[in-house]
Amino acid sequence: MTNRIAVVGIGEGGLAGMKLAARALVENAKVLVGGARQLAMIPENAAQRIEWTTLEETVAAIEAHADHDLVVLASGDPMWFGLGATLAKRFGPERLFVVPTPGAFSLASARLGWPLQDAVCLTVHGRPLEALALHLAPGQKILALGHDEFTPLKIGDLLRRHGYKSSRMTVLSHLGGPKERVVSGIQPGLGLDVIAIDCAADPDARILPRTPGLPDEAFEHDGQLTKREVRAATLAALAPLPGQVLWDVGAGAGSIAIEFLRACPSAQAVAFERNAERSARIARNALALGVPSLEIASGEAPEILTGRTERPDTIFVGGGISAPGLLETAWAALKPGGRLVANAATLEGEASLFAWQGKQGGNLLRLSVDRLESVGSFKVWKPAIPVTQYCGVKSG
C-alpha cells in the first residue's frame, strides 16, 4: 500500500507549540518538506530537507520521497486556505494524514473575543483584494489573511471607497509566537498578518445585499442592462448553486454573471461580450461589486462558445437570441441536467424562443413591470418593455 503523506501544521511557536503526536512525526521524519520559514523552526537533525520552490517541482519531490517517512510542514491549519487543500487536490484526500495546529483565524478570534463561526474568513494572499468588498455589510466581522505589509493600508483604502471608513480595523501579526503583535487602526503590518474588520457603514454608504436584484444604478452601463426586476426573476430561474459554472452570453453590463457570483462566491462565471467597450465595463463592475474572479471572453457568439473546453451547468442568453445557431450551440454545450435561461424583448427574439420551446420543451413566461412616474402634476404607471423568458433543463 502506498504510504500516506503526513501534513503537519506548525505555528509561530514552532515545535514547542505542537501536540506531542505531531512533534513525534516531525522529529522522526526522514524527509521534511516546507517553506524556508517553517524549516527554520525545526532544529537541525538527520532528516533530508526539501525547501518549497514551485508547486510542480515540490509536488514532484513529495511524490518521489513519499515512501520515506515524509512530513510536509504547513502553516497552522493546513486545510484552511492552506497547503493541505492544495495537496489533497493533487494526491487525493486518502493519501494525506493531516495534523492541524491552531491557525491564524482561530488565534485571531481568540485574541479579539469574536465567535469564529460568526466571522467571514478569507484570504487576499495572492488573490484580488477586491473580493473583500463582497462581504462588506453593517455589523459584519471579517478576518482576512494579508498578502504583505501594505495589505492593511490597501484594505483601509477599499473600506473608504465603499463607504465603510468608520469600520474598526485590527492588525494581528505573528500570532502564537514571541513576535506576536496586536495593533488597532489602519497601519502597515509585518507581512504575516490577519486583518480583522468590524464593519460599520458611513451615513452615505451604498449598502448592497447579496440577494439578487441589485439597484440598476449599482452597475455602470450604457443601457444594455437586464433591469432589476427582470434580473431578479432571471437569477431565480438560473438557480445558482455552489461550484456551478455559468455562461452569460451577450453580457452587456455583466449584471447576471456578477449577481450569480455574488449569490454563490464558490461558483464560476464567464461573461461573453463582443463589444470591447462593454467588456471593459463588465470588468469594472465585477471589481466594484466584489467578484474579481469573473472571466470575460470577447468575441462573437455562437462561434466563441465552440472554443471552450469546460461544460457549463447553466447558460443565460441575454442578447442575440435570434442569431442563427446560438440556442443550438448553447444547448449542446450544457452538461446533462444543465439549465438554459434566455430573455427576449423583441418580437423576433420571442419568435425564436417560441420555436425553441416547441422543439425542446421547457417553460415560457412573460415578465411585465410598470413603474410609477410623474406627468405634470399627475402620477401614472409607465409600462416597461415586456420580456419573454424561456427556461429549460437538458435531459441526460
Protein backbone atom coordinates (compact mmCIF):
# COMPACT_ATOMS: atom_id res chain seq x y z
CA MET A 1 0.00 0.00 0.00
CA THR A 2 1.28 3.49 -0.84
CA ASN A 3 2.42 5.41 2.24
CA ARG A 4 0.30 8.31 3.34
CA ILE A 5 1.78 11.80 3.23
CA ALA A 6 1.87 13.46 6.65
CA VAL A 7 0.96 17.15 6.54
CA VAL A 8 1.68 18.79 9.89
CA GLY A 9 0.59 22.27 10.85
CA ILE A 10 3.18 24.47 12.50
CA GLY A 11 2.58 27.84 14.10
CA GLU A 12 4.77 30.69 15.30
CA GLY A 13 5.62 28.63 18.39
CA GLY A 14 7.47 26.04 16.28
CA LEU A 15 7.96 22.57 17.74
CA ALA A 16 7.10 23.77 21.25
CA GLY A 17 3.62 24.74 20.12
CA MET A 18 2.83 21.33 18.60
CA LYS A 19 0.91 18.47 20.13
CA LEU A 20 3.10 15.55 21.15
CA ALA A 21 1.92 13.31 18.29
CA ALA A 22 2.66 15.99 15.69
CA ARG A 23 6.04 16.68 17.25
CA ALA A 24 6.91 12.99 17.12
CA LEU A 25 6.07 12.84 13.42
CA VAL A 26 8.37 15.78 12.69
CA GLU A 27 11.24 14.60 14.88
CA ASN A 28 11.20 11.08 13.36
CA ALA A 29 10.75 12.13 9.73
CA LYS A 30 13.40 11.08 7.23
CA VAL A 31 12.32 13.82 4.80
CA LEU A 32 10.98 17.26 5.75
CA VAL A 33 9.30 19.47 3.15
CA GLY A 34 8.34 23.07 3.81
CA GLY A 35 8.93 26.72 3.18
CA ALA A 36 12.14 28.34 4.40
CA ARG A 37 10.35 29.87 7.38
CA GLN A 38 8.79 26.56 8.52
CA LEU A 39 12.02 24.57 8.07
CA ALA A 40 13.98 27.17 10.07
CA MET A 41 11.73 26.46 13.08
CA ILE A 42 12.88 22.83 13.22
CA PRO A 43 16.26 22.14 14.89
CA GLU A 44 18.83 20.52 12.63
CA ASN A 45 18.62 16.71 12.57
CA ALA A 46 19.34 13.85 10.20
CA ALA A 47 16.25 14.42 8.05
CA GLN A 48 16.69 15.41 4.42
CA ARG A 49 15.20 18.87 3.89
CA ILE A 50 13.38 19.93 0.75
CA GLU A 51 12.56 23.62 0.57
CA TRP A 52 9.36 24.60 -1.22
CA THR A 53 10.04 26.11 -4.65
CA THR A 54 7.41 25.97 -7.37
CA LEU A 55 4.25 23.91 -6.96
CA GLU A 56 5.15 21.47 -9.74
CA GLU A 57 8.73 20.92 -8.57
CA THR A 58 7.78 20.48 -4.93
CA VAL A 59 4.87 18.14 -5.65
CA ALA A 60 7.22 16.02 -7.79
CA ALA A 61 9.70 15.90 -4.90
CA ILE A 62 6.96 14.87 -2.47
CA GLU A 63 5.87 12.08 -4.81
CA ALA A 64 9.46 10.88 -5.20
CA HIS A 65 10.02 10.66 -1.43
CA ALA A 66 6.51 9.67 -0.32
CA ASP A 67 7.67 6.21 0.81
CA HIS A 68 10.41 7.55 3.13
CA ASP A 69 8.63 8.79 6.28
CA LEU A 70 8.00 12.17 4.69
CA VAL A 71 6.43 15.09 6.56
CA VAL A 72 5.20 18.27 4.87
CA LEU A 73 5.18 21.34 7.13
CA ALA A 74 2.35 23.81 6.59
CA SER A 75 1.28 26.96 8.40
CA GLY A 76 -1.37 26.49 11.09
CA ASP A 77 -4.35 24.50 9.90
CA PRO A 78 -3.26 23.02 6.54
CA MET A 79 -6.85 22.55 5.35
CA TRP A 80 -7.92 26.18 5.94
CA PHE A 81 -6.67 28.22 2.98
CA GLY A 82 -3.55 26.13 3.37
CA LEU A 83 -1.14 23.78 1.71
CA GLY A 84 -3.10 20.69 2.72
CA ALA A 85 -6.00 21.69 0.49
CA THR A 86 -3.62 22.01 -2.46
CA LEU A 87 -2.03 18.62 -1.81
CA ALA A 88 -5.45 16.95 -1.39
CA LYS A 89 -6.35 18.05 -4.91
CA ARG A 90 -3.08 16.71 -6.32
CA PHE A 91 -2.76 13.40 -4.44
CA GLY A 92 -6.33 12.74 -3.30
CA PRO A 93 -7.51 13.10 0.31
CA GLU A 94 -6.98 9.40 1.02
CA ARG A 95 -3.20 9.86 0.56
CA LEU A 96 -2.94 12.51 3.27
CA PHE A 97 -2.62 12.30 7.05
CA VAL A 98 -3.22 15.85 8.28
CA VAL A 99 -2.36 17.07 11.78
CA PRO A 100 -3.54 20.68 12.26
CA THR A 101 -2.45 23.20 14.84
CA PRO A 102 -4.48 26.29 15.74
CA GLY A 103 -4.44 28.52 12.68
CA ALA A 104 -4.35 32.26 12.25
CA PHE A 105 -8.14 32.62 12.22
CA SER A 106 -8.62 30.62 15.43
CA LEU A 107 -5.88 32.59 17.19
CA ALA A 108 -7.20 35.93 15.93
CA SER A 109 -10.75 35.19 17.09
CA ALA A 110 -9.36 34.17 20.49
CA ARG A 111 -7.41 37.43 20.84
CA LEU A 112 -10.40 39.54 19.78
CA GLY A 113 -13.11 37.59 21.58
CA TRP A 114 -15.00 37.09 18.32
CA PRO A 115 -17.05 33.91 17.84
CA LEU A 116 -15.27 32.38 14.86
CA GLN A 117 -18.47 30.94 13.38
CA ASP A 118 -19.88 34.46 13.05
CA ALA A 119 -16.91 35.90 11.16
CA VAL A 120 -16.20 35.76 7.43
CA CYS A 121 -12.76 34.20 6.97
CA LEU A 122 -10.95 34.78 3.69
CA THR A 123 -7.53 35.37 2.23
CA VAL A 124 -6.15 38.09 -0.01
CA HIS A 125 -2.74 36.42 -0.13
CA GLY A 126 -2.03 36.18 -3.85
CA ARG A 127 -5.69 36.90 -4.60
CA PRO A 128 -7.53 40.06 -5.66
CA LEU A 129 -8.16 42.37 -2.74
CA GLU A 130 -11.46 43.46 -4.32
CA ALA A 131 -13.07 40.14 -3.35
CA LEU A 132 -13.30 41.53 0.17
CA ALA A 133 -15.89 44.09 -0.99
CA LEU A 134 -18.46 41.33 -1.46
CA HIS A 135 -18.61 40.78 2.30
CA LEU A 136 -18.95 44.38 3.47
CA ALA A 137 -22.15 44.83 5.47
CA PRO A 138 -23.04 46.72 8.66
CA GLY A 139 -22.06 44.65 11.69
CA GLN A 140 -20.20 42.00 9.66
CA LYS A 141 -16.93 40.80 11.16
CA ILE A 142 -14.20 39.83 8.68
CA LEU A 143 -10.86 38.09 9.21
CA ALA A 144 -8.54 38.31 6.21
CA LEU A 145 -5.09 36.81 5.72
CA GLY A 146 -2.84 39.54 4.36
CA HIS A 147 -0.52 39.41 1.36
CA ASP A 148 2.25 41.77 2.52
CA GLU A 149 2.91 44.60 4.97
CA PHE A 150 0.90 47.01 2.79
CA THR A 151 -2.31 44.93 2.85
CA PRO A 152 -3.81 46.76 5.87
CA LEU A 153 -3.34 50.12 4.12
CA LYS A 154 -4.91 48.79 0.91
CA ILE A 155 -7.87 47.40 2.86
CA GLY A 156 -8.27 50.75 4.56
CA ASP A 157 -8.47 52.43 1.15
CA LEU A 158 -11.03 49.85 -0.05
CA LEU A 159 -13.18 50.49 3.04
CA ARG A 160 -13.09 54.22 2.36
CA ARG A 161 -14.07 53.79 -1.30
CA HIS A 162 -17.04 51.60 -0.39
CA GLY A 163 -18.33 53.86 2.37
CA TYR A 164 -17.03 51.82 5.32
CA LYS A 165 -14.23 54.05 6.61
CA SER A 166 -15.97 54.07 10.03
CA SER A 167 -15.12 50.37 10.42
CA ARG A 168 -12.77 49.30 13.22
CA MET A 169 -9.67 47.52 12.00
CA THR A 170 -7.11 45.48 13.94
CA VAL A 171 -3.83 44.11 12.55
CA LEU A 172 -2.66 40.90 14.24
CA SER A 173 0.84 39.66 13.38
CA HIS A 174 2.91 36.54 14.19
CA LEU A 175 0.10 35.09 16.29
CA GLY A 176 1.11 32.43 18.80
CA GLY A 177 4.81 33.29 18.79
CA PRO A 178 7.27 35.54 20.61
CA LYS A 179 6.87 38.29 17.97
CA GLU A 180 3.08 38.46 18.34
CA ARG A 181 1.63 41.92 17.83
CA VAL A 182 -1.99 43.14 18.01
CA VAL A 183 -2.50 46.76 16.94
CA SER A 184 -5.72 48.69 16.38
CA GLY A 185 -6.15 51.03 13.45
CA ILE A 186 -5.13 51.22 9.80
CA GLN A 187 -1.36 50.96 9.58
CA PRO A 188 1.31 48.82 7.92
CA GLY A 189 1.59 45.23 9.08
CA LEU A 190 4.51 42.86 9.35
CA GLY A 191 3.63 40.74 6.34
CA LEU A 192 2.35 37.76 8.37
CA ASP A 193 -0.90 39.39 9.31
CA VAL A 194 -4.54 38.73 9.96
CA ILE A 195 -6.55 41.88 9.32
CA ALA A 196 -9.71 42.00 11.42
CA ILE A 197 -12.51 44.29 10.26
CA ASP A 198 -15.57 45.13 12.34
CA CYS A 199 -17.68 46.66 9.59
CA ALA A 200 -19.52 49.91 10.19
CA ALA A 201 -21.18 51.77 7.33
CA ASP A 202 -20.80 55.51 6.88
CA PRO A 203 -24.03 57.54 6.69
CA ASP A 204 -23.69 57.88 2.91
CA ALA A 205 -22.59 54.28 2.25
CA ARG A 206 -24.14 52.32 -0.60
CA ILE A 207 -25.25 49.17 1.22
CA LEU A 208 -25.74 46.30 -1.19
CA PRO A 209 -27.36 42.97 -0.26
CA ARG A 210 -26.30 39.57 -1.60
CA THR A 211 -29.85 38.73 -2.70
CA PRO A 212 -30.49 39.03 -6.47
CA GLY A 213 -31.90 42.25 -7.86
CA LEU A 214 -29.38 44.99 -7.09
CA PRO A 215 -30.49 48.52 -8.00
CA ASP A 216 -29.76 49.35 -11.64
CA GLU A 217 -27.56 52.24 -10.54
CA ALA A 218 -25.19 49.75 -8.82
CA PHE A 219 -23.91 48.94 -12.32
CA GLU A 220 -22.07 51.11 -14.79
CA HIS A 221 -23.92 50.61 -18.10
CA ASP A 222 -24.87 52.14 -21.44
CA GLY A 223 -28.48 50.98 -21.37
CA GLN A 224 -27.64 47.35 -22.18
CA LEU A 225 -28.62 46.09 -18.74
CA THR A 226 -31.10 43.47 -17.57
CA LYS A 227 -33.30 45.64 -15.38
CA ARG A 228 -33.61 44.98 -11.68
CA GLU A 229 -36.97 43.20 -11.52
CA VAL A 230 -36.29 41.04 -14.59
CA ARG A 231 -32.78 40.35 -13.32
CA ALA A 232 -34.12 39.06 -10.00
CA ALA A 233 -36.53 36.74 -11.83
CA THR A 234 -33.74 35.61 -14.15
CA LEU A 235 -31.41 34.74 -11.27
CA ALA A 236 -34.25 32.77 -9.67
CA ALA A 237 -34.62 30.80 -12.90
CA LEU A 238 -30.86 30.21 -13.12
CA ALA A 239 -30.90 28.87 -9.52
CA PRO A 240 -27.22 29.44 -8.60
CA LEU A 241 -25.57 26.63 -6.61
CA PRO A 242 -22.06 26.35 -5.12
CA GLY A 243 -19.39 25.27 -7.58
CA GLN A 244 -21.53 25.68 -10.68
CA VAL A 245 -20.29 27.23 -13.94
CA LEU A 246 -22.41 29.90 -15.65
CA TRP A 247 -22.07 31.25 -19.16
CA ASP A 248 -23.60 34.71 -19.60
CA VAL A 249 -23.93 35.19 -23.38
CA GLY A 250 -24.40 38.76 -24.61
CA ALA A 251 -23.48 40.00 -21.15
CA GLY A 252 -23.95 43.76 -21.71
CA ALA A 253 -23.01 45.21 -18.32
CA GLY A 254 -22.34 41.76 -16.83
CA SER A 255 -25.12 42.09 -14.27
CA ILE A 256 -26.38 38.49 -14.50
CA ALA A 257 -22.93 36.90 -14.16
CA ILE A 258 -21.96 39.30 -11.38
CA GLU A 259 -25.08 38.62 -9.32
CA PHE A 260 -24.70 34.87 -9.93
CA LEU A 261 -21.24 35.04 -8.33
CA ARG A 262 -22.43 37.29 -5.52
CA ALA A 263 -25.09 34.70 -4.68
CA CYS A 264 -22.56 31.82 -4.77
CA PRO A 265 -18.94 33.00 -4.42
CA SER A 266 -17.63 29.45 -4.97
CA ALA A 267 -19.29 29.34 -8.41
CA GLN A 268 -17.58 30.33 -11.65
CA ALA A 269 -18.90 32.55 -14.41
CA VAL A 270 -17.86 33.60 -17.90
CA ALA A 271 -19.29 36.77 -19.46
CA PHE A 272 -19.29 36.65 -23.28
CA GLU A 273 -19.46 40.06 -24.91
CA ARG A 274 -18.49 41.09 -28.45
CA ASN A 275 -18.20 44.82 -27.74
CA ALA A 276 -14.78 45.77 -26.35
CA GLU A 277 -16.06 48.86 -24.55
CA ARG A 278 -18.74 46.83 -22.80
CA SER A 279 -16.19 44.14 -21.90
CA ALA A 280 -14.12 46.78 -20.11
CA ARG A 281 -17.25 48.00 -18.36
CA ILE A 282 -18.04 44.46 -17.19
CA ALA A 283 -14.55 44.23 -15.68
CA ARG A 284 -15.05 47.48 -13.76
CA ASN A 285 -18.44 46.33 -12.49
CA ALA A 286 -17.02 42.98 -11.36
CA LEU A 287 -14.27 44.69 -9.35
CA ALA A 288 -16.61 47.26 -7.82
CA LEU A 289 -19.11 44.60 -6.75
CA GLY A 290 -16.62 42.20 -5.21
CA VAL A 291 -16.39 39.40 -7.79
CA PRO A 292 -12.98 39.85 -9.48
CA SER A 293 -12.98 36.15 -10.44
CA LEU A 294 -15.47 36.79 -13.26
CA GLU A 295 -13.91 35.74 -16.58
CA ILE A 296 -14.64 37.97 -19.58
CA ALA A 297 -14.46 36.46 -23.07
CA SER A 298 -14.59 38.86 -26.02
CA GLY A 299 -15.94 37.61 -29.31
CA GLU A 300 -18.96 36.84 -31.44
CA ALA A 301 -21.47 34.21 -30.36
CA PRO A 302 -22.09 31.44 -31.19
CA GLU A 303 -18.57 31.00 -32.60
CA ILE A 304 -16.81 31.97 -29.37
CA LEU A 305 -18.76 29.32 -27.44
CA THR A 306 -17.40 26.45 -29.51
CA GLY A 307 -13.81 27.05 -28.44
CA ARG A 308 -14.45 26.41 -24.74
CA THR A 309 -13.27 23.26 -23.03
CA GLU A 310 -15.48 23.40 -19.90
CA ARG A 311 -19.14 22.39 -19.93
CA PRO A 312 -21.35 24.85 -18.07
CA ASP A 313 -24.08 23.96 -15.58
CA THR A 314 -26.17 26.97 -16.56
CA ILE A 315 -26.32 29.32 -19.53
CA PHE A 316 -28.06 32.65 -19.77
CA VAL A 317 -28.63 34.19 -23.19
CA GLY A 318 -29.50 37.84 -22.85
CA GLY A 319 -28.68 39.10 -26.33
CA GLY A 320 -28.68 37.86 -29.92
CA ILE A 321 -31.45 35.30 -29.32
CA SER A 322 -32.36 35.21 -33.00
CA ALA A 323 -28.73 34.75 -34.18
CA PRO A 324 -28.56 31.55 -36.28
CA GLY A 325 -27.34 28.58 -34.27
CA LEU A 326 -26.94 30.43 -30.95
CA LEU A 327 -29.51 28.50 -28.93
CA GLU A 328 -28.44 25.20 -30.53
CA THR A 329 -24.77 25.81 -29.69
CA ALA A 330 -25.56 26.83 -26.12
CA TRP A 331 -27.79 23.78 -25.61
CA ALA A 332 -25.13 21.43 -26.97
CA ALA A 333 -22.53 22.88 -24.60
CA LEU A 334 -24.64 22.34 -21.47
CA LYS A 335 -23.95 19.43 -19.14
CA PRO A 336 -26.73 16.83 -18.87
CA GLY A 337 -29.16 18.28 -16.36
CA GLY A 338 -27.94 21.77 -17.20
CA ARG A 339 -30.26 24.76 -17.34
CA LEU A 340 -30.75 27.24 -20.19
CA VAL A 341 -32.43 30.56 -19.50
CA ALA A 342 -32.99 33.11 -22.26
CA ASN A 343 -34.70 36.51 -22.29
CA ALA A 344 -36.15 38.27 -25.34
CA ALA A 345 -37.56 41.78 -25.58
CA THR A 346 -38.19 41.87 -29.36
CA LEU A 347 -40.79 40.07 -31.45
CA GLU A 348 -38.02 38.37 -33.42
CA GLY A 349 -36.40 37.09 -30.24
CA GLU A 350 -39.73 36.00 -28.84
CA ALA A 351 -40.46 34.06 -32.05
CA SER A 352 -37.12 32.26 -31.68
CA LEU A 353 -38.00 31.28 -28.11
CA PHE A 354 -41.46 30.02 -29.13
CA ALA A 355 -39.88 27.87 -31.84
CA TRP A 356 -37.20 26.59 -29.47
CA GLN A 357 -39.71 25.73 -26.76
CA GLY A 358 -41.78 23.82 -29.30
CA LYS A 359 -38.72 21.74 -30.20
CA GLN A 360 -37.02 21.22 -26.83
CA GLY A 361 -39.79 21.74 -24.29
CA GLY A 362 -39.28 23.86 -21.20
CA ASN A 363 -41.26 26.79 -19.85
CA LEU A 364 -42.09 30.23 -21.22
CA LEU A 365 -43.34 33.18 -19.25
CA ARG A 366 -43.74 36.90 -19.82
CA LEU A 367 -42.41 39.44 -17.34
CA SER A 368 -44.05 42.85 -17.30
CA VAL A 369 -43.27 45.72 -14.92
CA ASP A 370 -44.99 49.09 -14.55
CA ARG A 371 -43.21 51.97 -12.82
CA LEU A 372 -44.85 54.98 -11.22
CA GLU A 373 -43.88 58.25 -12.93
CA SER A 374 -44.99 61.87 -12.82
CA VAL A 375 -46.66 63.59 -15.77
CA GLY A 376 -47.01 67.20 -14.81
CA SER A 377 -48.92 67.26 -11.52
CA PHE A 378 -50.30 63.73 -12.07
CA LYS A 379 -48.97 60.23 -11.35
CA VAL A 380 -49.18 57.49 -13.99
CA TRP A 381 -47.99 53.94 -14.43
CA LYS A 382 -45.44 53.65 -17.22
CA PRO A 383 -45.01 50.10 -18.52
CA ALA A 384 -41.52 48.83 -19.30
CA ILE A 385 -40.98 46.70 -22.42
CA PRO A 386 -42.22 43.21 -21.52
CA VAL A 387 -39.67 40.39 -21.54
CA THR A 388 -40.35 36.82 -22.63
CA GLN A 389 -38.30 34.31 -20.66
CA TYR A 390 -37.50 30.71 -21.56
CA CYS A 391 -36.22 28.17 -19.03
CA GLY A 392 -35.37 24.59 -19.98
CA VAL A 393 -33.43 21.75 -18.38
CA LYS A 394 -31.39 19.46 -20.60
CA SER A 395 -32.18 15.80 -20.04
CA GLY A 396 -29.42 13.24 -19.57
